[in-house]
Amino acid sequence: MKNICFLFFILFVFFSGCKTAKPLAENKPELITKPGTVTEVAPPPINYADQTTWLLGYFKPGQLTNYPYSTWYLKGFDDYQPKTDAINKLLEINKEDITIKVVMGTWCPDSRREVPRFMRVLDAWQFPVAKVTFIGVDDAKLSPVGEYVKLDIKRVPTFIIYKNNIEAGRIIENPATSLEQDMVNILTGMNNNK
């Protein structure tokens, strides 16, 4: 009888103490709003001042489509509608000798607004992304890139457009008209800001 009681005790402990947790994929926070409906709780907001979220130095534009950058990049890219007349003027310009440097801070609200729009303009213009250099800076506008100081960056984002390896002009922080029209003005010599 002692052995049977001991066996029941062992089985009871085994079955009551070995509950397994839900797999991680099923272990999401949930909020029940109405009977029969479930709504997921939104993830906490991203702190862009946190240095671990910054892209520093040279980086590939494809990185902007990854989290946490995708939260602002994809929406900004999809929402921006470049002006057709300016895009048509850009399409008439020979792209062969043009290169571009984009200096930005992922911590910077202006960069998070303007860089996706700029990429949308390049997409509409059919400009090869391989001819664009991306440089990420910290909140002191410094970057671990050789000869970066020569770029003389004061504010971000800064879009530097080169023709035949000579700076043709810059769009600094906010466009004067629109990104696409400012680019037309720079590339056709109608730019007053350099």
Protein backbone atom coordinates (compact mmCIF):
# COMPACT_ATOMS: atom_id res chain seq x y z
CA MET A 1 0.00 0.00 0.00
CA LYS A 2 2.92 2.30 0.80
CA ASN A 3 4.36 1.71 -2.68
CA ILE A 4 1.04 2.56 -4.37
CA CYS A 5 0.68 5.81 -2.39
CA PHE A 6 4.28 6.70 -3.21
CA LEU A 7 3.64 5.99 -6.92
CA PHE A 8 0.51 8.20 -6.93
CA PHE A 9 2.43 10.95 -5.19
CA ILE A 10 5.25 10.78 -7.80
CA LEU A 11 2.74 10.81 -10.69
CA PHE A 12 0.86 13.75 -9.16
CA VAL A 13 4.07 15.78 -8.77
CA PHE A 14 5.23 14.88 -12.27
CA PHE A 15 2.01 15.85 -14.04
CA SER A 16 1.28 18.98 -12.01
CA GLY A 17 4.84 20.33 -12.02
CA CYS A 18 5.75 19.82 -15.69
CA LYS A 19 3.45 22.24 -17.43
CA THR A 20 5.16 23.59 -20.51
CA ALA A 21 5.00 27.23 -21.49
CA LYS A 22 3.50 28.25 -24.80
CA PRO A 23 6.04 28.42 -27.62
CA LEU A 24 7.47 31.93 -28.10
CA ALA A 25 5.45 32.49 -31.27
CA GLU A 26 2.24 31.92 -29.30
CA ASN A 27 3.42 33.83 -26.23
CA LYS A 28 2.57 37.29 -27.62
CA PRO A 29 0.91 39.86 -25.38
CA GLU A 30 -2.79 40.06 -26.11
CA LEU A 31 -5.53 42.45 -25.16
CA ILE A 32 -9.13 41.29 -25.28
CA THR A 33 -11.33 44.15 -26.46
CA LYS A 34 -14.70 42.45 -27.01
CA PRO A 35 -15.92 38.98 -26.29
CA GLY A 36 -14.68 36.76 -29.11
CA THR A 37 -12.15 39.28 -30.54
CA VAL A 38 -8.44 39.61 -29.78
CA THR A 39 -6.22 42.59 -30.57
CA GLU A 40 -2.43 42.48 -30.25
CA VAL A 41 -0.76 45.09 -28.09
CA ALA A 42 1.43 47.43 -30.14
CA PRO A 43 5.18 47.12 -29.55
CA PRO A 44 6.71 49.87 -27.44
CA PRO A 45 7.72 53.00 -29.37
CA ILE A 46 11.25 53.07 -30.77
CA ASN A 47 13.65 55.42 -29.02
CA TYR A 48 15.68 56.83 -31.91
CA ALA A 49 17.92 58.67 -29.43
CA ASP A 50 19.17 55.24 -28.33
CA GLN A 51 22.59 54.84 -29.94
CA THR A 52 21.95 51.14 -30.61
CA THR A 53 19.42 52.19 -33.30
CA TRP A 54 21.88 54.39 -35.22
CA LEU A 55 23.46 53.49 -38.54
CA LEU A 56 27.01 54.87 -38.53
CA GLY A 57 29.52 55.08 -41.37
CA TYR A 58 28.91 53.65 -44.80
CA PHE A 59 25.79 51.54 -45.11
CA LYS A 60 23.64 49.99 -47.84
CA PRO A 61 20.22 51.54 -48.51
CA GLY A 62 18.62 48.09 -48.19
CA GLN A 63 19.31 48.31 -44.45
CA LEU A 64 16.62 50.97 -44.22
CA THR A 65 14.00 48.35 -45.09
CA ASN A 66 14.90 46.38 -41.94
CA TYR A 67 13.43 46.97 -38.49
CA PRO A 68 13.53 49.49 -36.78
CA TYR A 69 14.19 51.75 -39.81
CA SER A 70 11.42 50.12 -41.85
CA THR A 71 8.86 51.63 -39.46
CA TRP A 72 9.48 55.07 -40.99
CA TYR A 73 11.29 54.31 -44.26
CA LEU A 74 8.67 52.16 -46.02
CA LYS A 75 5.78 54.47 -45.13
CA GLY A 76 7.71 57.58 -46.18
CA PHE A 77 8.73 55.95 -49.47
CA ASP A 78 5.21 54.72 -50.28
CA ASP A 79 3.45 57.95 -49.28
CA TYR A 80 5.60 60.39 -51.25
CA GLN A 81 4.39 61.34 -54.73
CA PRO A 82 7.09 63.21 -56.69
CA LYS A 83 5.94 65.99 -58.99
CA THR A 84 5.62 64.60 -62.50
CA ASP A 85 6.94 67.71 -64.28
CA ALA A 86 10.16 67.68 -62.24
CA ILE A 87 10.62 63.93 -62.76
CA ASN A 88 10.16 64.40 -66.51
CA LYS A 89 12.91 67.05 -66.44
CA LEU A 90 15.18 64.70 -64.47
CA LEU A 91 14.54 61.94 -67.03
CA GLU A 92 15.95 64.25 -69.73
CA ILE A 93 19.25 64.64 -67.82
CA ASN A 94 22.12 62.28 -68.60
CA LYS A 95 22.81 60.27 -65.42
CA GLU A 96 26.11 58.80 -66.61
CA ASP A 97 28.43 61.29 -64.84
CA ILE A 98 26.25 61.88 -61.78
CA THR A 99 26.91 60.45 -58.31
CA ILE A 100 25.25 61.29 -55.02
CA LYS A 101 26.20 61.18 -51.33
CA VAL A 102 23.47 60.99 -48.72
CA VAL A 103 24.56 61.94 -45.22
CA MET A 104 21.89 61.22 -42.63
CA GLY A 105 21.19 60.34 -39.03
CA THR A 106 18.65 57.65 -38.24
CA TRP A 107 18.08 59.55 -34.97
CA CYS A 108 17.10 62.70 -36.91
CA PRO A 109 13.40 63.37 -37.70
CA ASP A 110 14.35 65.37 -40.83
CA SER A 111 16.41 62.43 -42.12
CA ARG A 112 13.58 60.01 -41.36
CA ARG A 113 11.22 62.25 -43.37
CA GLU A 114 13.41 63.28 -46.32
CA VAL A 115 15.53 60.19 -47.07
CA PRO A 116 12.57 57.93 -47.98
CA ARG A 117 11.20 60.72 -50.18
CA PHE A 118 14.60 61.17 -51.82
CA MET A 119 14.76 57.45 -52.54
CA ARG A 120 11.27 57.63 -54.06
CA VAL A 121 12.51 60.43 -56.36
CA LEU A 122 15.54 58.34 -57.38
CA ASP A 123 13.23 55.41 -58.08
CA ALA A 124 10.94 57.53 -60.30
CA TRP A 125 14.04 58.99 -62.03
CA GLN A 126 15.39 55.45 -62.52
CA PHE A 127 18.69 56.54 -61.00
CA PRO A 128 21.01 53.60 -60.18
CA VAL A 129 21.23 53.19 -56.40
CA ALA A 130 24.75 51.80 -56.91
CA LYS A 131 25.81 55.39 -57.70
CA VAL A 132 24.59 56.64 -54.30
CA THR A 133 26.82 56.53 -51.21
CA PHE A 134 25.07 56.46 -47.84
CA ILE A 135 26.82 57.74 -44.73
CA GLY A 136 25.27 57.52 -41.26
CA VAL A 137 26.25 60.04 -38.61
CA ASP A 138 25.81 60.31 -34.85
CA ASP A 139 23.97 63.16 -33.14
CA ALA A 140 27.15 65.30 -33.21
CA LYS A 141 27.05 64.81 -37.02
CA LEU A 142 30.28 62.80 -36.97
CA SER A 143 30.93 59.59 -38.86
CA PRO A 144 33.72 56.99 -38.80
CA VAL A 145 34.44 57.52 -42.49
CA GLY A 146 37.82 58.53 -43.90
CA GLU A 147 37.88 62.11 -45.22
CA TYR A 148 34.38 62.67 -43.83
CA VAL A 149 35.45 66.02 -42.38
CA LYS A 150 36.02 67.33 -45.92
CA LEU A 151 32.29 66.98 -46.59
CA ASP A 152 31.71 69.85 -44.12
CA ILE A 153 28.36 68.55 -42.86
CA LYS A 154 26.51 71.01 -40.61
CA ARG A 155 22.96 69.60 -40.75
CA VAL A 156 21.32 66.36 -41.80
CA PRO A 157 20.12 65.07 -44.05
CA THR A 158 22.50 66.46 -46.63
CA PHE A 159 22.21 65.26 -50.23
CA ILE A 160 25.37 66.09 -52.19
CA ILE A 161 25.06 65.82 -55.96
CA TYR A 162 28.22 65.45 -58.04
CA LYS A 163 28.67 65.89 -61.78
CA ASN A 164 31.95 64.52 -63.16
CA ASN A 165 33.15 64.07 -59.54
CA ILE A 166 32.71 67.80 -58.85
CA GLU A 167 30.07 68.95 -56.40
CA ALA A 168 27.18 70.49 -58.35
CA GLY A 169 25.08 71.33 -55.29
CA ARG A 170 23.48 70.23 -52.04
CA ILE A 171 20.08 69.85 -50.56
CA ILE A 172 20.49 70.47 -46.84
CA GLU A 173 17.92 69.36 -44.28
CA ASN A 174 14.81 70.54 -46.19
CA PRO A 175 14.38 71.18 -49.91
CA ALA A 176 13.86 74.79 -51.03
CA THR A 177 10.99 73.74 -53.34
CA SER A 178 10.78 69.95 -53.49
CA LEU A 179 13.50 67.32 -53.58
CA GLU A 180 12.91 66.59 -57.24
CA GLN A 181 12.76 70.28 -58.28
CA ASP A 182 15.85 71.12 -56.23
CA MET A 183 17.66 68.28 -58.01
CA VAL A 184 16.58 69.65 -61.41
CA ASN A 185 17.79 73.11 -60.37
CA ILE A 186 21.16 71.75 -59.24
CA LEU A 187 21.71 69.60 -62.33
CA THR A 188 20.65 72.30 -64.81
CA GLY A 189 22.71 75.05 -63.17
CA MET A 190 19.68 76.92 -61.79
CA ASN A 191 20.77 76.29 -58.20
CA ASN A 192 21.69 79.20 -55.97
CA ASN A 193 22.60 77.07 -52.94
CA LYS A 194 25.87 75.23 -52.94
